[in-house]
Protein backbone atom coordinates (compact mmCIF):
# COMPACT_ATOMS: atom_id res chain seq x y z
CA MET A 1 0.00 0.00 0.00
CA SER A 2 1.26 3.49 -0.81
CA ASP A 3 1.65 6.33 1.67
CA ASN A 4 -1.75 7.68 0.60
CA PHE A 5 -4.12 6.77 3.42
CA LEU A 6 -7.08 8.88 2.24
CA LEU A 7 -9.83 6.90 0.55
CA SER A 8 -11.35 10.12 -0.81
CA GLU A 9 -8.19 10.88 -2.81
CA MET A 10 -7.98 7.44 -4.45
CA ALA A 11 -9.56 6.12 -7.62
CA TRP A 12 -11.70 3.02 -7.22
CA THR A 13 -9.07 0.95 -9.01
CA GLU A 14 -6.44 2.06 -6.50
CA ILE A 15 -8.80 1.23 -3.64
CA ASP A 16 -9.52 -2.17 -5.17
CA ALA A 17 -5.80 -2.92 -5.30
CA ALA A 18 -5.28 -1.72 -1.72
CA LEU A 19 -8.08 -3.96 -0.47
CA GLY A 20 -5.94 -6.94 -1.38
CA GLU A 21 -3.95 -6.24 1.79
CA ARG A 22 -7.11 -6.41 3.96
CA PRO A 23 -6.77 -2.93 5.46
CA VAL A 24 -8.55 -1.53 8.48
CA ALA A 25 -10.98 1.32 7.78
CA ILE A 26 -10.70 4.40 9.98
CA LEU A 27 -13.75 6.68 10.15
CA PRO A 28 -13.11 10.18 11.56
CA LEU A 29 -16.19 11.40 13.42
CA GLY A 30 -16.25 15.16 13.81
CA SER A 31 -18.94 17.76 14.29
CA THR A 32 -20.23 21.03 12.95
CA GLN A 33 -20.56 23.28 15.96
CA ALA A 34 -19.48 26.52 17.57
CA GLU A 35 -15.92 26.32 18.90
CA GLY A 36 -15.51 29.82 20.29
CA PRO A 37 -14.86 32.92 18.18
CA HIS A 38 -11.30 31.77 17.40
CA LEU A 39 -11.87 28.35 15.78
CA PRO A 40 -13.95 27.21 12.79
CA VAL A 41 -17.08 25.12 13.32
CA ALA A 42 -15.22 22.27 11.58
CA ALA A 43 -12.51 22.11 14.26
CA GLN A 44 -13.50 18.70 15.64
CA THR A 45 -13.65 17.24 12.14
CA VAL A 46 -10.23 18.67 11.26
CA ILE A 47 -8.74 17.17 14.42
CA ALA A 48 -10.42 13.78 13.94
CA CYS A 49 -9.06 13.59 10.38
CA ALA A 50 -5.54 14.46 11.52
CA ALA A 51 -5.71 11.83 14.27
CA ALA A 52 -7.02 9.22 11.83
CA GLN A 53 -4.23 9.88 9.33
CA ARG A 54 -1.51 9.82 11.98
CA GLY A 55 -3.06 6.65 13.40
CA ALA A 56 -3.05 5.02 9.94
CA ALA A 57 0.66 5.80 9.60
CA LYS A 58 1.36 4.23 12.99
CA LEU A 59 -0.59 1.12 12.01
CA LYS A 60 1.36 0.86 8.77
CA ALA A 61 4.58 0.95 10.78
CA ARG A 62 3.21 -2.05 12.68
CA ARG A 63 2.39 -3.81 9.39
CA ILE A 64 -1.34 -3.28 9.70
CA PRO A 65 -2.57 -1.48 6.56
CA ALA A 66 -5.30 1.11 7.03
CA LEU A 67 -7.29 3.57 4.95
CA VAL A 68 -9.03 6.70 6.25
CA LEU A 69 -12.64 7.07 5.16
CA PRO A 70 -14.12 10.49 4.37
CA PRO A 71 -15.12 12.06 7.71
CA LEU A 72 -18.62 12.31 9.08
CA PRO A 73 -18.80 16.03 9.96
CA TYR A 74 -22.06 15.84 11.92
CA SER A 75 -22.82 14.39 15.33
CA LEU A 76 -24.54 15.19 18.62
CA ALA A 77 -23.78 18.85 19.39
CA ASP A 78 -26.81 20.16 21.24
CA SER A 79 -24.68 21.76 23.98
CA THR A 80 -23.79 24.45 21.42
CA ALA A 81 -27.13 24.53 19.60
CA ASP A 82 -27.74 28.15 20.68
CA PHE A 83 -24.80 29.34 18.58
CA ALA A 84 -24.91 30.07 14.87
CA GLY A 85 -23.41 27.36 12.67
CA THR A 86 -24.06 24.41 14.97
CA VAL A 87 -25.79 21.45 13.34
CA SER A 88 -26.72 18.79 15.89
CA LEU A 89 -28.09 15.32 15.13
CA LYS A 90 -30.31 13.27 17.40
CA PRO A 91 -28.49 10.46 19.24
CA GLU A 92 -30.50 7.82 17.40
CA THR A 93 -29.53 9.40 14.08
CA VAL A 94 -25.85 9.34 15.01
CA THR A 95 -26.18 5.68 15.95
CA ALA A 96 -28.03 4.73 12.76
CA VAL A 97 -25.65 6.53 10.41
CA LEU A 98 -22.53 5.15 12.06
CA ARG A 99 -23.96 1.64 12.16
CA ASP A 100 -24.84 1.76 8.46
CA ILE A 101 -21.40 3.10 7.52
CA CYS A 102 -19.74 0.33 9.51
CA GLN A 103 -21.89 -2.34 7.92
CA ALA A 104 -21.30 -1.05 4.39
CA THR A 105 -17.56 -0.62 4.94
CA ALA A 106 -17.04 -4.01 6.56
CA LYS A 107 -17.95 -5.78 3.33
CA ARG A 108 -14.51 -4.88 2.02
CA PHE A 109 -12.36 -4.06 5.06
CA ARG A 110 -10.85 -6.15 7.81
CA ALA A 111 -12.33 -3.98 10.56
CA VAL A 112 -13.71 -0.50 11.16
CA ILE A 113 -12.69 1.93 13.90
CA ILE A 114 -14.56 5.16 14.61
CA VAL A 115 -12.18 7.89 15.75
CA HIS A 116 -13.79 10.60 17.91
CA LEU A 117 -12.67 12.72 20.87
CA GLY A 118 -16.01 13.73 22.36
CA LEU A 119 -16.56 13.37 26.10
CA ASP A 120 -20.30 14.09 26.08
CA PRO A 121 -21.79 10.93 27.68
CA ARG A 122 -24.73 10.97 25.23
CA GLN A 123 -22.37 11.15 22.27
CA ILE A 124 -20.21 8.32 23.60
CA GLU A 125 -23.31 6.23 24.21
CA ALA A 126 -24.59 6.87 20.65
CA VAL A 127 -21.25 5.77 19.16
CA LYS A 128 -21.00 2.79 21.49
CA LEU A 129 -24.49 1.65 20.53
CA ALA A 130 -23.65 1.96 16.83
CA VAL A 131 -20.63 -0.31 17.32
CA GLU A 132 -22.70 -2.80 19.32
CA GLU A 133 -25.41 -2.93 16.64
CA ALA A 134 -22.79 -3.34 13.91
CA ARG A 135 -21.16 -6.19 15.80
CA LYS A 136 -24.51 -7.94 16.15
CA ALA A 137 -24.70 -7.80 12.36
CA GLY A 138 -21.33 -9.53 12.12
CA VAL A 139 -19.15 -6.45 11.66
CA SER A 140 -15.66 -6.19 13.19
CA ALA A 141 -15.91 -2.68 14.69
CA CYS A 142 -14.62 -0.59 17.57
CA HIS A 143 -14.33 3.06 18.58
CA THR A 144 -11.96 5.33 20.45
CA ASP A 145 -13.28 5.78 23.98
CA PHE A 146 -11.26 8.64 25.47
CA GLY A 147 -13.67 8.70 28.37
CA LYS A 148 -11.58 5.88 29.82
CA LYS A 149 -8.78 6.98 32.14
CA ARG A 150 -6.19 4.82 30.37
CA TRP A 151 -6.55 6.78 27.13
CA ALA A 152 -7.45 10.18 28.58
CA GLU A 153 -4.60 10.46 31.07
CA PRO A 154 -1.82 11.07 28.48
CA LEU A 155 -3.85 13.96 27.03
CA GLY A 156 -3.49 16.11 30.12
CA GLU A 157 -5.63 18.09 32.52
CA SER A 158 -7.20 20.40 29.95
CA PHE A 159 -8.75 17.42 28.17
CA ALA A 160 -9.82 15.73 31.40
CA LEU A 161 -11.63 18.89 32.55
CA GLY A 162 -13.86 18.72 29.51
CA GLU A 163 -13.06 22.18 28.21
CA HIS A 164 -14.71 23.29 25.00
CA ALA A 165 -12.51 25.12 22.47
CA GLY A 166 -10.11 25.78 25.33
CA THR A 167 -6.42 24.98 25.72
CA PHE A 168 -6.59 21.39 24.47
CA THR A 169 -8.62 21.82 21.27
CA THR A 170 -6.96 25.10 20.39
CA SER A 171 -3.49 23.59 20.83
CA LEU A 172 -4.43 20.76 18.48
CA MET A 173 -5.72 23.17 15.87
CA MET A 174 -2.56 25.26 16.15
CA ALA A 175 -0.57 22.10 15.43
CA VAL A 176 -2.61 20.63 12.55
CA ALA A 177 -4.20 23.69 10.91
CA PRO A 178 -2.67 26.92 12.26
CA GLU A 179 -3.99 28.89 9.31
CA ARG A 180 -7.54 28.15 10.47
CA VAL A 181 -7.03 29.60 13.96
CA ARG A 182 -8.07 33.26 14.39
CA ASP A 183 -5.00 34.03 16.44
CA SER A 184 -5.64 37.75 16.85
CA VAL A 185 -8.98 36.81 18.41
CA ARG A 186 -7.57 33.93 20.45
CA ILE A 187 -4.98 36.01 22.30
CA SER A 188 -7.63 38.57 23.29
CA LEU A 189 -9.97 36.07 24.95
CA ALA A 190 -10.47 35.98 28.69
CA PRO A 191 -10.33 32.64 30.56
CA ALA A 192 -13.81 31.12 30.86
CA ASP A 193 -13.55 28.60 33.65
CA GLY A 194 -16.76 29.46 35.48
CA PRO A 195 -19.14 27.77 33.02
CA GLN A 196 -17.43 24.42 33.60
CA ALA A 197 -18.85 24.24 37.13
CA ALA A 198 -22.30 25.11 35.81
CA MET A 199 -22.09 22.29 33.24
CA LYS A 200 -21.15 19.81 35.98
CA LYS A 201 -24.15 20.98 38.01
CA GLY A 202 -26.52 20.21 35.16
CA ALA A 203 -26.53 23.11 32.73
CA ARG A 204 -27.66 21.66 29.41
CA SER A 205 -25.78 24.00 27.12
CA LEU A 206 -22.82 26.34 27.00
CA ALA A 207 -25.14 29.31 26.72
CA GLU A 208 -27.11 28.19 29.78
CA ALA A 209 -23.83 27.77 31.66
CA GLY A 210 -22.83 31.34 30.86
CA ALA A 211 -20.29 30.60 28.13
CA GLU A 212 -21.58 33.45 26.00
CA ASP A 213 -18.77 33.21 23.45
CA GLY A 214 -19.07 29.47 22.93
CA TYR A 215 -15.92 28.28 24.70
CA ILE A 216 -14.87 26.98 28.11
CA GLY A 217 -11.27 27.17 29.27
CA ASP A 218 -8.36 29.41 28.33
CA PRO A 219 -7.46 29.44 24.62
CA THR A 220 -4.65 31.95 25.28
CA THR A 221 -2.53 29.22 26.92
CA ALA A 222 -2.74 27.00 23.84
CA ASP A 223 0.55 25.98 22.26
CA ALA A 224 1.32 24.28 18.95
CA GLU A 225 4.01 22.05 20.47
CA ASP A 226 1.54 20.84 23.08
CA GLY A 227 -0.93 20.23 20.28
CA GLU A 228 1.60 18.09 18.41
CA ALA A 229 2.22 16.06 21.57
CA HIS A 230 -1.55 15.60 22.02
CA LEU A 231 -1.93 14.47 18.40
CA GLU A 232 0.88 11.97 18.81
CA ALA A 233 -0.74 10.55 21.96
CA ILE A 234 -4.14 10.31 20.27
CA ALA A 235 -2.70 8.59 17.20
CA GLU A 236 -0.79 6.11 19.34
CA ALA A 237 -4.00 5.35 21.21
CA VAL A 238 -5.83 4.80 17.91
CA ALA A 239 -3.17 2.32 16.79
CA LEU A 240 -3.21 0.46 20.11
CA MET A 241 -7.02 0.29 20.21
CA VAL A 242 -7.06 -1.21 16.72
CA MET A 243 -4.38 -3.73 17.62
CA GLU A 244 -6.20 -4.76 20.78
CA HIS A 245 -9.46 -5.06 18.87
CA LEU A 246 -7.83 -7.32 16.29
CA GLY A 247 -6.17 -9.32 19.07
CA SER A 248 -4.27 -12.35 17.89
CA LYS A 249 -5.44 -11.59 14.33
CA ALA A 250 -3.03 -8.63 14.24
């Protein structure tokens, strides 16, 4: 298999040839939602794609071929539904779409892994249910569950706190797509830590929690080098999760 991991950039004949190596399919699951005034609404999709590609490279180094599917740029995002640009799907829709993609993809691929970084319990449950339903249909599927301490711990405190468009996400964007970060806006933002407590107490949205600008945390402390380290840790986790899913088959 060549160094091109992106299914969307390949002709069907190239894909057909690559399938002879029984690759794993990696599906980046992003979102279309407000990510503060300094990041594009596609930020989660951009990050998921970068993590999927880096993960595919790590799998190749371990002699497990992988191809990255076109991303799904919509998911559960109702916590930011009050902000312009957010498009949120119902949990059952997320589950159905992911299940169908897994089932369709598994006809040609060795296994399917859904790569997502969301910590919203409802989102995790929707993805988990999709994988469970796909498995019942005979599909070899798994997903990245960064809600588990083992995988979350290497990503640092900012991730564990559940910030939104704060230090963690902004650092990642500065590493993978710096041209898409509104840096002049970012450095002018005040820390927004208060809304985090409100979310933990039951606020259903960022707006309800008082995050009027659509972010929680401190984007001004973001750093591209930290973002690169986060991406490396995420990609390594993706590779390890795939290997553990394949088990002795790897």
